[in-house]
Amino acid sequence: MPGLFSKLSSIFTRLSDSPELPASDRELYTEELLSLDMSYGIVERLLDGKQQPGVTAAAAMKARMKQILVSAPLIEPPKCGILMIGINGAGKTTTIAKLGKWYVDRGFSVIAGAGDTYRAAAIEQLSILAERTGMDMVKAMPGVDPASVIHDTVAAYRHRSKDVVIADTAGRLHTNVNLVNELKKIKTVMTKAMAGDRMATYLIMDATIGKNSFQQAKLFNENIGIDGIIITKLDGTAKGGIIFTICDELKIPVVAIGTGESVGDFLAFDKDTFVEGLFP
């Protein structure tokens, strides 16, 4: 992740050779970390933790960061399904293309289902991205029952012997009971159609929303169940600290991050690799 979180990593560069965090720098560190969307509680824990003799400030900070972060590997093919959920504008459709390419580049065959049937533009966008990234696709006319589209997509996944099936869904307001119930229906239909094959539900979270995203994530998790989070739009904000806040608040693993607009701007997330990359 060279250069991806340059502002975040520059803060910790100054710690490298220090035996401890100078008290005079505490206010500066606090302001800088808060500006990167870390919660105040996390900043306090990172700066106030007791340091063992012989452990540098950098090593102590790394250990505390790794305790806060929660990561998990992306679901591993062959024979697995992924349900993508999230609010409008979070970047679900683009992330499906990125995730699909990530699997295709590793030699797996992927099929996507255009379950956002409320927007013709979403179906068209996924069609273009699927062709560009080497994914197969199932779609229907706008307005068709999205659960039926996902059912047909899983049937095609089996018939065409694909390794991975990814289901798109409409961006829905998590507080709208009818829309949440529809999403529950889609998940039930997909789970049944998968007939025992492994399945994961990933929530797409927009990093630019910051702390406002936590309530939506909690409600999605309570109503739908979330196995992992994919954080998008980290390139535009440089506020990599939001990853710490998300993990600390939600205790749900981050599985991947979107780092740009290109379909190749996608990284599987590993907390140890991420933390080590913040220090020289």
C-alpha atoms as a PDB file:
ATOM      1  CA  MET A   1       0.000   0.000   0.000  1.00  0.00           C
ATOM      2  CA  PRO A   2       2.812   2.440  -0.741  1.00  0.00           C
ATOM      3  CA  GLY A   3       1.603   6.017  -0.671  1.00  0.00           C
ATOM      4  CA  LEU A   4      -2.028   5.049  -0.115  1.00  0.00           C
ATOM      5  CA  PHE A   5      -2.201   6.456   3.389  1.00  0.00           C
ATOM      6  CA  SER A   6       0.733   8.826   3.168  1.00  0.00           C
ATOM      7  CA  LYS A   7      -0.711  11.287   5.670  1.00  0.00           C
ATOM      8  CA  LEU A   8      -1.486   8.527   8.155  1.00  0.00           C
ATOM      9  CA  SER A   9       1.905   6.876   7.792  1.00  0.00           C
ATOM     10  CA  SER A  10       3.795  10.176   8.029  1.00  0.00           C
ATOM     11  CA  ILE A  11       2.478  10.596  11.561  1.00  0.00           C
ATOM     12  CA  PHE A  12       4.095   7.349  12.671  1.00  0.00           C
ATOM     13  CA  THR A  13       7.382   7.852  10.834  1.00  0.00           C
ATOM     14  CA  ARG A  14       8.523  10.153  13.629  1.00  0.00           C
ATOM     15  CA  LEU A  15       8.098   7.315  16.135  1.00  0.00           C
ATOM     16  CA  SER A  16      10.537   4.925  14.495  1.00  0.00           C
ATOM     17  CA  ASP A  17      13.631   5.601  16.582  1.00  0.00           C
ATOM     18  CA  SER A  18      11.974   7.008  19.684  1.00  0.00           C
ATOM     19  CA  PRO A  19      12.145   4.979  22.906  1.00  0.00           C
ATOM     20  CA  GLU A  20       8.859   6.590  23.966  1.00  0.00           C
ATOM     21  CA  LEU A  21       6.317   9.136  22.814  1.00  0.00           C
ATOM     22  CA  PRO A  22       7.469  12.602  23.924  1.00  0.00           C
ATOM     23  CA  ALA A  23       4.871  14.275  26.133  1.00  0.00           C
ATOM     24  CA  SER A  24       5.308  17.483  24.154  1.00  0.00           C
ATOM     25  CA  ASP A  25       4.073  15.699  21.033  1.00  0.00           C
ATOM     26  CA  ARG A  26       0.937  14.280  22.598  1.00  0.00           C
ATOM     27  CA  GLU A  27      -1.357  17.178  21.652  1.00  0.00           C
ATOM     28  CA  LEU A  28      -0.025  17.192  18.100  1.00  0.00           C
ATOM     29  CA  TYR A  29      -0.525  13.440  17.697  1.00  0.00           C
ATOM     30  CA  THR A  30      -4.019  13.674  19.135  1.00  0.00           C
ATOM     31  CA  GLU A  31      -5.067  16.382  16.695  1.00  0.00           C
ATOM     32  CA  GLU A  32      -3.572  14.585  13.705  1.00  0.00           C
ATOM     33  CA  LEU A  33      -5.132  11.226  14.498  1.00  0.00           C
ATOM     34  CA  LEU A  34      -8.559  12.728  15.181  1.00  0.00           C
ATOM     35  CA  SER A  35      -8.380  14.520  11.827  1.00  0.00           C
ATOM     36  CA  LEU A  36      -8.050  11.109  10.137  1.00  0.00           C
ATOM     37  CA  ASP A  37     -11.393   9.878  11.497  1.00  0.00           C
ATOM     38  CA  MET A  38     -10.052   7.902  14.426  1.00  0.00           C
ATOM     39  CA  SER A  39     -12.388   8.118  17.403  1.00  0.00           C
ATOM     40  CA  TYR A  40     -11.158   9.910  20.515  1.00  0.00           C
ATOM     41  CA  GLY A  41     -11.285   6.664  22.490  1.00  0.00           C
ATOM     42  CA  ILE A  42      -8.963   4.941  20.031  1.00  0.00           C
ATOM     43  CA  VAL A  43      -6.534   7.855  20.038  1.00  0.00           C
ATOM     44  CA  GLU A  44      -6.438   7.730  23.838  1.00  0.00           C
ATOM     45  CA  ARG A  45      -5.693   4.000  23.786  1.00  0.00           C
ATOM     46  CA  LEU A  46      -2.946   4.386  21.203  1.00  0.00           C
ATOM     47  CA  LEU A  47      -1.225   7.211  23.056  1.00  0.00           C
ATOM     48  CA  ASP A  48      -1.831   6.218  26.672  1.00  0.00           C
ATOM     49  CA  GLY A  49      -0.981   2.520  26.646  1.00  0.00           C
ATOM     50  CA  LYS A  50       1.744   1.482  29.070  1.00  0.00           C
ATOM     51  CA  GLN A  51       5.029   0.718  27.408  1.00  0.00           C
ATOM     52  CA  GLN A  52       7.197  -2.208  28.438  1.00  0.00           C
ATOM     53  CA  PRO A  53      10.914  -1.641  29.037  1.00  0.00           C
ATOM     54  CA  GLY A  54      12.979  -2.020  25.898  1.00  0.00           C
ATOM     55  CA  VAL A  55       9.981  -1.623  23.577  1.00  0.00           C
ATOM     56  CA  THR A  56      10.130   1.383  21.254  1.00  0.00           C
ATOM     57  CA  ALA A  57       7.211   3.733  20.815  1.00  0.00           C
ATOM     58  CA  ALA A  58       6.752   2.454  17.273  1.00  0.00           C
ATOM     59  CA  ALA A  59       6.623  -1.204  18.329  1.00  0.00           C
ATOM     60  CA  ALA A  60       4.166  -0.420  21.120  1.00  0.00           C
ATOM     61  CA  MET A  61       1.953   1.540  18.730  1.00  0.00           C
ATOM     62  CA  LYS A  62       1.968  -1.298  16.193  1.00  0.00           C
ATOM     63  CA  ALA A  63       0.877  -3.804  18.822  1.00  0.00           C
ATOM     64  CA  ARG A  64      -1.992  -1.588  19.998  1.00  0.00           C
ATOM     65  CA  MET A  65      -3.163  -1.018  16.428  1.00  0.00           C
ATOM     66  CA  LYS A  66      -3.222  -4.734  15.678  1.00  0.00           C
ATOM     67  CA  GLN A  67      -5.299  -5.317  18.807  1.00  0.00           C
ATOM     68  CA  ILE A  68      -7.906  -2.834  17.584  1.00  0.00           C
ATOM     69  CA  LEU A  69      -8.114  -3.895  13.940  1.00  0.00           C
ATOM     70  CA  VAL A  70     -10.207  -6.868  12.851  1.00  0.00           C
ATOM     71  CA  SER A  71      -9.543  -8.482   9.485  1.00  0.00           C
ATOM     72  CA  ALA A  72     -10.547 -11.682   7.740  1.00  0.00           C
ATOM     73  CA  PRO A  73      -9.726 -13.180   4.346  1.00  0.00           C
ATOM     74  CA  LEU A  74     -12.177 -12.862   1.487  1.00  0.00           C
ATOM     75  CA  ILE A  75     -14.332 -15.955   1.044  1.00  0.00           C
ATOM     76  CA  GLU A  76     -12.325 -18.542  -0.838  1.00  0.00           C
ATOM     77  CA  PRO A  77     -13.569 -20.264  -4.005  1.00  0.00           C
ATOM     78  CA  PRO A  78     -14.400 -22.540  -5.618  1.00  0.00           C
ATOM     79  CA  LYS A  79     -18.126 -22.875  -5.020  1.00  0.00           C
ATOM     80  CA  CYS A  80     -19.040 -19.819  -3.007  1.00  0.00           C
ATOM     81  CA  GLY A  81     -21.514 -16.970  -3.137  1.00  0.00           C
ATOM     82  CA  ILE A  82     -21.333 -13.330  -2.079  1.00  0.00           C
ATOM     83  CA  LEU A  83     -24.275 -11.046  -1.319  1.00  0.00           C
ATOM     84  CA  MET A  84     -23.334  -7.370  -1.564  1.00  0.00           C
ATOM     85  CA  ILE A  85     -25.378  -4.879   0.464  1.00  0.00           C
ATOM     86  CA  GLY A  86     -25.155  -1.192   1.323  1.00  0.00           C
ATOM     87  CA  ILE A  87     -26.773   2.194   0.874  1.00  0.00           C
ATOM     88  CA  ASN A  88     -27.017   4.158  -2.358  1.00  0.00           C
ATOM     89  CA  GLY A  89     -23.764   5.737  -3.419  1.00  0.00           C
ATOM     90  CA  ALA A  90     -21.484   3.483  -1.379  1.00  0.00           C
ATOM     91  CA  GLY A  91     -20.017   1.974  -4.546  1.00  0.00           C
ATOM     92  CA  LYS A  92     -21.523  -1.521  -4.610  1.00  0.00           C
ATOM     93  CA  THR A  93     -21.647  -1.998  -8.365  1.00  0.00           C
ATOM     94  CA  THR A  94     -18.096  -0.796  -8.897  1.00  0.00           C
ATOM     95  CA  THR A  95     -16.903  -2.918  -5.992  1.00  0.00           C
ATOM     96  CA  ILE A  96     -18.547  -6.003  -7.498  1.00  0.00           C
ATOM     97  CA  ALA A  97     -16.467  -5.431 -10.625  1.00  0.00           C
ATOM     98  CA  LYS A  98     -13.314  -4.972  -8.542  1.00  0.00           C
ATOM     99  CA  LEU A  99     -14.001  -8.070  -6.454  1.00  0.00           C
ATOM    100  CA  GLY A 100     -14.886 -10.085  -9.543  1.00  0.00           C
ATOM    101  CA  LYS A 101     -11.656  -9.050 -11.262  1.00  0.00           C
ATOM    102  CA  TRP A 102      -9.716  -9.942  -8.117  1.00  0.00           C
ATOM    103  CA  TYR A 103     -11.052 -13.504  -8.361  1.00  0.00           C
ATOM    104  CA  VAL A 104     -10.699 -13.702 -12.163  1.00  0.00           C
ATOM    105  CA  ASP A 105      -7.064 -12.611 -11.910  1.00  0.00           C
ATOM    106  CA  ARG A 106      -6.527 -15.592  -9.600  1.00  0.00           C
ATOM    107  CA  GLY A 107      -7.920 -18.033 -12.110  1.00  0.00           C
ATOM    108  CA  PHE A 108     -11.507 -18.365 -10.886  1.00  0.00           C
ATOM    109  CA  SER A 109     -14.649 -18.023 -12.990  1.00  0.00           C
ATOM    110  CA  VAL A 110     -17.203 -15.495 -11.754  1.00  0.00           C
ATOM    111  CA  ILE A 111     -20.848 -14.750 -12.481  1.00  0.00           C
ATOM    112  CA  ALA A 112     -22.674 -11.652 -11.246  1.00  0.00           C
ATOM    113  CA  GLY A 113     -26.378 -11.054 -10.779  1.00  0.00           C
ATOM    114  CA  ALA A 114     -27.887  -7.610 -11.429  1.00  0.00           C
ATOM    115  CA  GLY A 115     -30.157  -7.548  -8.405  1.00  0.00           C
ATOM    116  CA  ASP A 116     -30.520  -3.756  -8.378  1.00  0.00           C
ATOM    117  CA  THR A 117     -33.573  -3.885 -10.620  1.00  0.00           C
ATOM    118  CA  TYR A 118     -34.878  -0.498  -9.494  1.00  0.00           C
ATOM    119  CA  ARG A 119     -32.352   1.376 -11.615  1.00  0.00           C
ATOM    120  CA  ALA A 120     -31.802   0.662 -15.309  1.00  0.00           C
ATOM    121  CA  ALA A 121     -28.509   2.542 -15.008  1.00  0.00           C
ATOM    122  CA  ALA A 122     -27.268   0.054 -12.400  1.00  0.00           C
ATOM    123  CA  ILE A 123     -28.025  -2.900 -14.685  1.00  0.00           C
ATOM    124  CA  GLU A 124     -26.279  -1.200 -17.593  1.00  0.00           C
ATOM    125  CA  GLN A 125     -23.283  -0.257 -15.453  1.00  0.00           C
ATOM    126  CA  LEU A 126     -22.836  -3.805 -14.176  1.00  0.00           C
ATOM    127  CA  SER A 127     -23.172  -5.178 -17.723  1.00  0.00           C
ATOM    128  CA  ILE A 128     -20.353  -2.947 -18.937  1.00  0.00           C
ATOM    129  CA  LEU A 129     -18.125  -3.713 -15.957  1.00  0.00           C
ATOM    130  CA  ALA A 130     -18.779  -7.453 -16.163  1.00  0.00           C
ATOM    131  CA  GLU A 131     -17.683  -7.538 -19.792  1.00  0.00           C
ATOM    132  CA  ARG A 132     -14.621  -5.441 -19.003  1.00  0.00           C
ATOM    133  CA  THR A 133     -13.492  -7.669 -16.126  1.00  0.00           C
ATOM    134  CA  GLY A 134     -14.242 -11.083 -17.608  1.00  0.00           C
ATOM    135  CA  MET A 135     -17.279 -11.924 -15.492  1.00  0.00           C
ATOM    136  CA  ASP A 136     -20.403 -13.659 -16.708  1.00  0.00           C
ATOM    137  CA  MET A 137     -23.705 -12.015 -15.839  1.00  0.00           C
ATOM    138  CA  VAL A 138     -27.443 -12.547 -15.361  1.00  0.00           C
ATOM    139  CA  LYS A 139     -29.852  -9.625 -15.661  1.00  0.00           C
ATOM    140  CA  ALA A 140     -33.519  -8.844 -16.245  1.00  0.00           C
ATOM    141  CA  MET A 141     -35.655  -5.857 -17.179  1.00  0.00           C
ATOM    142  CA  PRO A 142     -35.915  -3.027 -14.646  1.00  0.00           C
ATOM    143  CA  GLY A 143     -38.689  -3.590 -12.128  1.00  0.00           C
ATOM    144  CA  VAL A 144     -38.402  -7.381 -12.047  1.00  0.00           C
ATOM    145  CA  ASP A 145     -38.418  -8.987  -8.581  1.00  0.00           C
ATOM    146  CA  PRO A 146     -34.745  -8.820  -7.510  1.00  0.00           C
ATOM    147  CA  ALA A 147     -34.995 -12.091  -5.557  1.00  0.00           C
ATOM    148  CA  SER A 148     -35.964 -13.904  -8.754  1.00  0.00           C
ATOM    149  CA  VAL A 149     -32.955 -12.417 -10.571  1.00  0.00           C
ATOM    150  CA  ILE A 150     -30.621 -13.650  -7.845  1.00  0.00           C
ATOM    151  CA  HIS A 151     -32.289 -17.084  -7.884  1.00  0.00           C
ATOM    152  CA  ASP A 152     -31.706 -17.278 -11.647  1.00  0.00           C
ATOM    153  CA  THR A 153     -28.111 -16.121 -11.156  1.00  0.00           C
ATOM    154  CA  VAL A 154     -27.366 -18.927  -8.710  1.00  0.00           C
ATOM    155  CA  ALA A 155     -29.014 -21.407 -11.104  1.00  0.00           C
ATOM    156  CA  ALA A 156     -26.703 -20.140 -13.866  1.00  0.00           C
ATOM    157  CA  TYR A 157     -23.722 -20.377 -11.500  1.00  0.00           C
ATOM    158  CA  ARG A 158     -24.487 -24.080 -11.103  1.00  0.00           C
ATOM    159  CA  HIS A 159     -25.394 -24.788 -14.727  1.00  0.00           C
ATOM    160  CA  ARG A 160     -22.301 -23.017 -16.092  1.00  0.00           C
ATOM    161  CA  SER A 161     -20.016 -24.476 -13.383  1.00  0.00           C
ATOM    162  CA  LYS A 162     -18.779 -21.115 -12.118  1.00  0.00           C
ATOM    163  CA  ASP A 163     -16.533 -20.811  -9.076  1.00  0.00           C
ATOM    164  CA  VAL A 164     -18.021 -17.632  -7.599  1.00  0.00           C
ATOM    165  CA  VAL A 165     -21.431 -15.970  -7.744  1.00  0.00           C
ATOM    166  CA  ILE A 166     -21.794 -12.328  -6.681  1.00  0.00           C
ATOM    167  CA  ALA A 167     -25.207 -10.768  -6.140  1.00  0.00           C
ATOM    168  CA  ASP A 168     -25.790  -7.038  -6.473  1.00  0.00           C
ATOM    169  CA  THR A 169     -28.665  -5.437  -4.560  1.00  0.00           C
ATOM    170  CA  ALA A 170     -30.351  -2.063  -4.629  1.00  0.00           C
ATOM    171  CA  GLY A 171     -28.929   0.603  -2.363  1.00  0.00           C
ATOM    172  CA  ARG A 172     -31.567   0.733   0.282  1.00  0.00           C
ATOM    173  CA  LEU A 173     -32.237   2.904   3.260  1.00  0.00           C
ATOM    174  CA  HIS A 174     -31.545   0.728   6.270  1.00  0.00           C
ATOM    175  CA  THR A 175     -34.350   2.421   8.202  1.00  0.00           C
ATOM    176  CA  ASN A 176     -37.011   1.549   5.601  1.00  0.00           C
ATOM    177  CA  VAL A 177     -38.758  -1.555   6.927  1.00  0.00           C
ATOM    178  CA  ASN A 178     -40.156  -2.673   3.557  1.00  0.00           C
ATOM    179  CA  LEU A 179     -36.796  -2.426   1.823  1.00  0.00           C
ATOM    180  CA  VAL A 180     -34.992  -4.228   4.633  1.00  0.00           C
ATOM    181  CA  ASN A 181     -37.579  -7.010   4.482  1.00  0.00           C
ATOM    182  CA  GLU A 182     -37.013  -7.311   0.759  1.00  0.00           C
ATOM    183  CA  LEU A 183     -33.286  -7.649   1.362  1.00  0.00           C
ATOM    184  CA  LYS A 184     -33.991 -10.380   3.894  1.00  0.00           C
ATOM    185  CA  LYS A 185     -36.017 -12.164   1.208  1.00  0.00           C
ATOM    186  CA  ILE A 186     -33.149 -11.914  -1.273  1.00  0.00           C
ATOM    187  CA  LYS A 187     -30.719 -13.389   1.241  1.00  0.00           C
ATOM    188  CA  THR A 188     -33.119 -16.225   2.110  1.00  0.00           C
ATOM    189  CA  VAL A 189     -33.657 -17.046  -1.573  1.00  0.00           C
ATOM    190  CA  MET A 190     -29.941 -16.950  -2.336  1.00  0.00           C
ATOM    191  CA  THR A 191     -28.995 -19.050   0.695  1.00  0.00           C
ATOM    192  CA  LYS A 192     -31.539 -21.704  -0.247  1.00  0.00           C
ATOM    193  CA  ALA A 193     -30.442 -21.717  -3.891  1.00  0.00           C
ATOM    194  CA  MET A 194     -26.790 -22.094  -2.889  1.00  0.00           C
ATOM    195  CA  ALA A 195     -27.792 -25.476  -1.407  1.00  0.00           C
ATOM    196  CA  GLY A 196     -24.989 -25.678   1.109  1.00  0.00           C
ATOM    197  CA  ASP A 197     -22.238 -23.956  -0.856  1.00  0.00           C
ATOM    198  CA  ARG A 198     -20.368 -21.388   1.209  1.00  0.00           C
ATOM    199  CA  MET A 199     -21.813 -17.882   1.284  1.00  0.00           C
ATOM    200  CA  ALA A 200     -20.810 -14.502   2.694  1.00  0.00           C
ATOM    201  CA  THR A 201     -22.655 -11.215   3.076  1.00  0.00           C
ATOM    202  CA  TYR A 202     -20.434  -8.173   2.612  1.00  0.00           C
ATOM    203  CA  LEU A 203     -21.417  -4.633   3.544  1.00  0.00           C
ATOM    204  CA  ILE A 204     -19.987  -1.875   1.371  1.00  0.00           C
ATOM    205  CA  MET A 205     -19.097   1.196   3.434  1.00  0.00           C
ATOM    206  CA  ASP A 206     -18.134   4.581   2.024  1.00  0.00           C
ATOM    207  CA  ALA A 207     -15.100   5.960   3.890  1.00  0.00           C
ATOM    208  CA  THR A 208     -16.104   9.524   3.107  1.00  0.00           C
ATOM    209  CA  ILE A 209     -19.258   9.192   5.223  1.00  0.00           C
ATOM    210  CA  GLY A 210     -17.122   8.611   8.305  1.00  0.00           C
ATOM    211  CA  LYS A 211     -18.835   8.084  11.625  1.00  0.00           C
ATOM    212  CA  ASN A 212     -22.312   8.496  10.105  1.00  0.00           C
ATOM    213  CA  SER A 213     -21.939   5.030   8.612  1.00  0.00           C
ATOM    214  CA  PHE A 214     -21.955   3.180  11.944  1.00  0.00           C
ATOM    215  CA  GLN A 215     -25.686   3.285  12.585  1.00  0.00           C
ATOM    216  CA  GLN A 216     -26.456   1.907   9.130  1.00  0.00           C
ATOM    217  CA  ALA A 217     -23.923  -0.867   9.628  1.00  0.00           C
ATOM    218  CA  LYS A 218     -25.374  -1.821  13.012  1.00  0.00           C
ATOM    219  CA  LEU A 219     -28.901  -2.019  11.609  1.00  0.00           C
ATOM    220  CA  PHE A 220     -27.790  -4.005   8.555  1.00  0.00           C
ATOM    221  CA  ASN A 221     -25.984  -6.429  10.838  1.00  0.00           C
ATOM    222  CA  GLU A 222     -28.961  -6.785  13.172  1.00  0.00           C
ATOM    223  CA  ASN A 223     -31.439  -7.354  10.339  1.00  0.00           C
ATOM    224  CA  ILE A 224     -29.428  -9.098   7.620  1.00  0.00           C
ATOM    225  CA  GLY A 225     -26.198 -10.323   9.194  1.00  0.00           C
ATOM    226  CA  ILE A 226     -22.788  -9.175   7.954  1.00  0.00           C
ATOM    227  CA  ASP A 227     -19.756 -11.415   7.517  1.00  0.00           C
ATOM    228  CA  GLY A 228     -17.336  -8.723   6.425  1.00  0.00           C
ATOM    229  CA  ILE A 229     -16.942  -5.085   5.395  1.00  0.00           C
ATOM    230  CA  ILE A 230     -15.437  -3.677   2.215  1.00  0.00           C
ATOM    231  CA  ILE A 231     -14.439  -0.027   2.644  1.00  0.00           C
ATOM    232  CA  THR A 232     -14.591   2.115  -0.494  1.00  0.00           C
ATOM    233  CA  LYS A 233     -13.331   5.551  -1.534  1.00  0.00           C
ATOM    234  CA  LEU A 234     -10.293   5.555   0.719  1.00  0.00           C
ATOM    235  CA  ASP A 235      -8.311   7.166  -2.093  1.00  0.00           C
ATOM    236  CA  GLY A 236     -10.261  10.413  -2.031  1.00  0.00           C
ATOM    237  CA  THR A 237     -10.159  11.102   1.690  1.00  0.00           C
ATOM    238  CA  ALA A 238      -6.756   9.807   2.828  1.00  0.00           C
ATOM    239  CA  LYS A 239      -8.543   9.259   6.154  1.00  0.00           C
ATOM    240  CA  GLY A 240      -7.244   5.760   6.741  1.00  0.00           C
ATOM    241  CA  GLY A 241      -7.989   6.134  10.439  1.00  0.00           C
ATOM    242  CA  ILE A 242     -11.630   5.286   9.745  1.00  0.00           C
ATOM    243  CA  ILE A 243     -10.599   1.623   9.490  1.00  0.00           C
ATOM    244  CA  PHE A 244      -9.652   1.616  13.177  1.00  0.00           C
ATOM    245  CA  THR A 245     -12.931   3.236  14.186  1.00  0.00           C
ATOM    246  CA  ILE A 246     -14.998   0.807  12.092  1.00  0.00           C
ATOM    247  CA  CYS A 247     -13.281  -2.229  13.588  1.00  0.00           C
ATOM    248  CA  ASP A 248     -13.473  -0.902  17.120  1.00  0.00           C
ATOM    249  CA  GLU A 249     -17.129   0.143  16.941  1.00  0.00           C
ATOM    250  CA  LEU A 250     -18.559  -2.761  14.959  1.00  0.00           C
ATOM    251  CA  LYS A 251     -16.255  -5.706  15.738  1.00  0.00           C
ATOM    252  CA  ILE A 252     -16.905  -6.909  12.169  1.00  0.00           C
ATOM    253  CA  PRO A 253     -13.852  -7.813  10.086  1.00  0.00           C
ATOM    254  CA  VAL A 254     -12.704  -5.687   7.178  1.00  0.00           C
ATOM    255  CA  VAL A 255     -12.061  -8.002   4.228  1.00  0.00           C
ATOM    256  CA  ALA A 256     -11.020  -5.562   1.505  1.00  0.00           C
ATOM    257  CA  ILE A 257     -10.578  -1.895   0.623  1.00  0.00           C
ATOM    258  CA  GLY A 258     -11.179   0.112  -2.529  1.00  0.00           C
ATOM    259  CA  THR A 259      -8.263   2.398  -3.277  1.00  0.00           C
ATOM    260  CA  GLY A 260      -9.244   4.195  -6.480  1.00  0.00           C
ATOM    261  CA  GLU A 261     -11.651   4.360  -9.415  1.00  0.00           C
ATOM    262  CA  SER A 262     -10.022   1.737 -11.623  1.00  0.00           C
ATOM    263  CA  VAL A 263     -11.270  -1.871 -11.422  1.00  0.00           C
ATOM    264  CA  GLY A 264      -7.763  -2.831 -10.364  1.00  0.00           C
ATOM    265  CA  ASP A 265      -7.794  -0.488  -7.365  1.00  0.00           C
ATOM    266  CA  PHE A 266      -8.745  -3.142  -4.849  1.00  0.00           C
ATOM    267  CA  LEU A 267      -6.832  -4.798  -2.015  1.00  0.00           C
ATOM    268  CA  ALA A 268      -7.641  -7.711   0.240  1.00  0.00           C
ATOM    269  CA  PHE A 269      -7.238  -6.350   3.764  1.00  0.00           C
ATOM    270  CA  ASP A 270      -4.910  -7.866   6.326  1.00  0.00           C
ATOM    271  CA  LYS A 271      -4.443  -5.979   9.571  1.00  0.00           C
ATOM    272  CA  ASP A 272      -0.812  -6.999  10.094  1.00  0.00           C
ATOM    273  CA  THR A 273       0.216  -5.975   6.577  1.00  0.00           C
ATOM    274  CA  PHE A 274      -1.718  -2.738   6.891  1.00  0.00           C
ATOM    275  CA  VAL A 275      -0.119  -1.734  10.201  1.00  0.00           C
ATOM    276  CA  GLU A 276       3.409  -2.646   9.121  1.00  0.00           C
ATOM    277  CA  GLY A 277       2.900  -0.543   5.995  1.00  0.00           C
ATOM    278  CA  LEU A 278       2.255   2.560   8.093  1.00  0.00           C
ATOM    279  CA  PHE A 279       5.767   2.496   9.553  1.00  0.00           C
ATOM    280  CA  PRO A 280       9.098   2.858   7.716  1.00  0.00           C
END
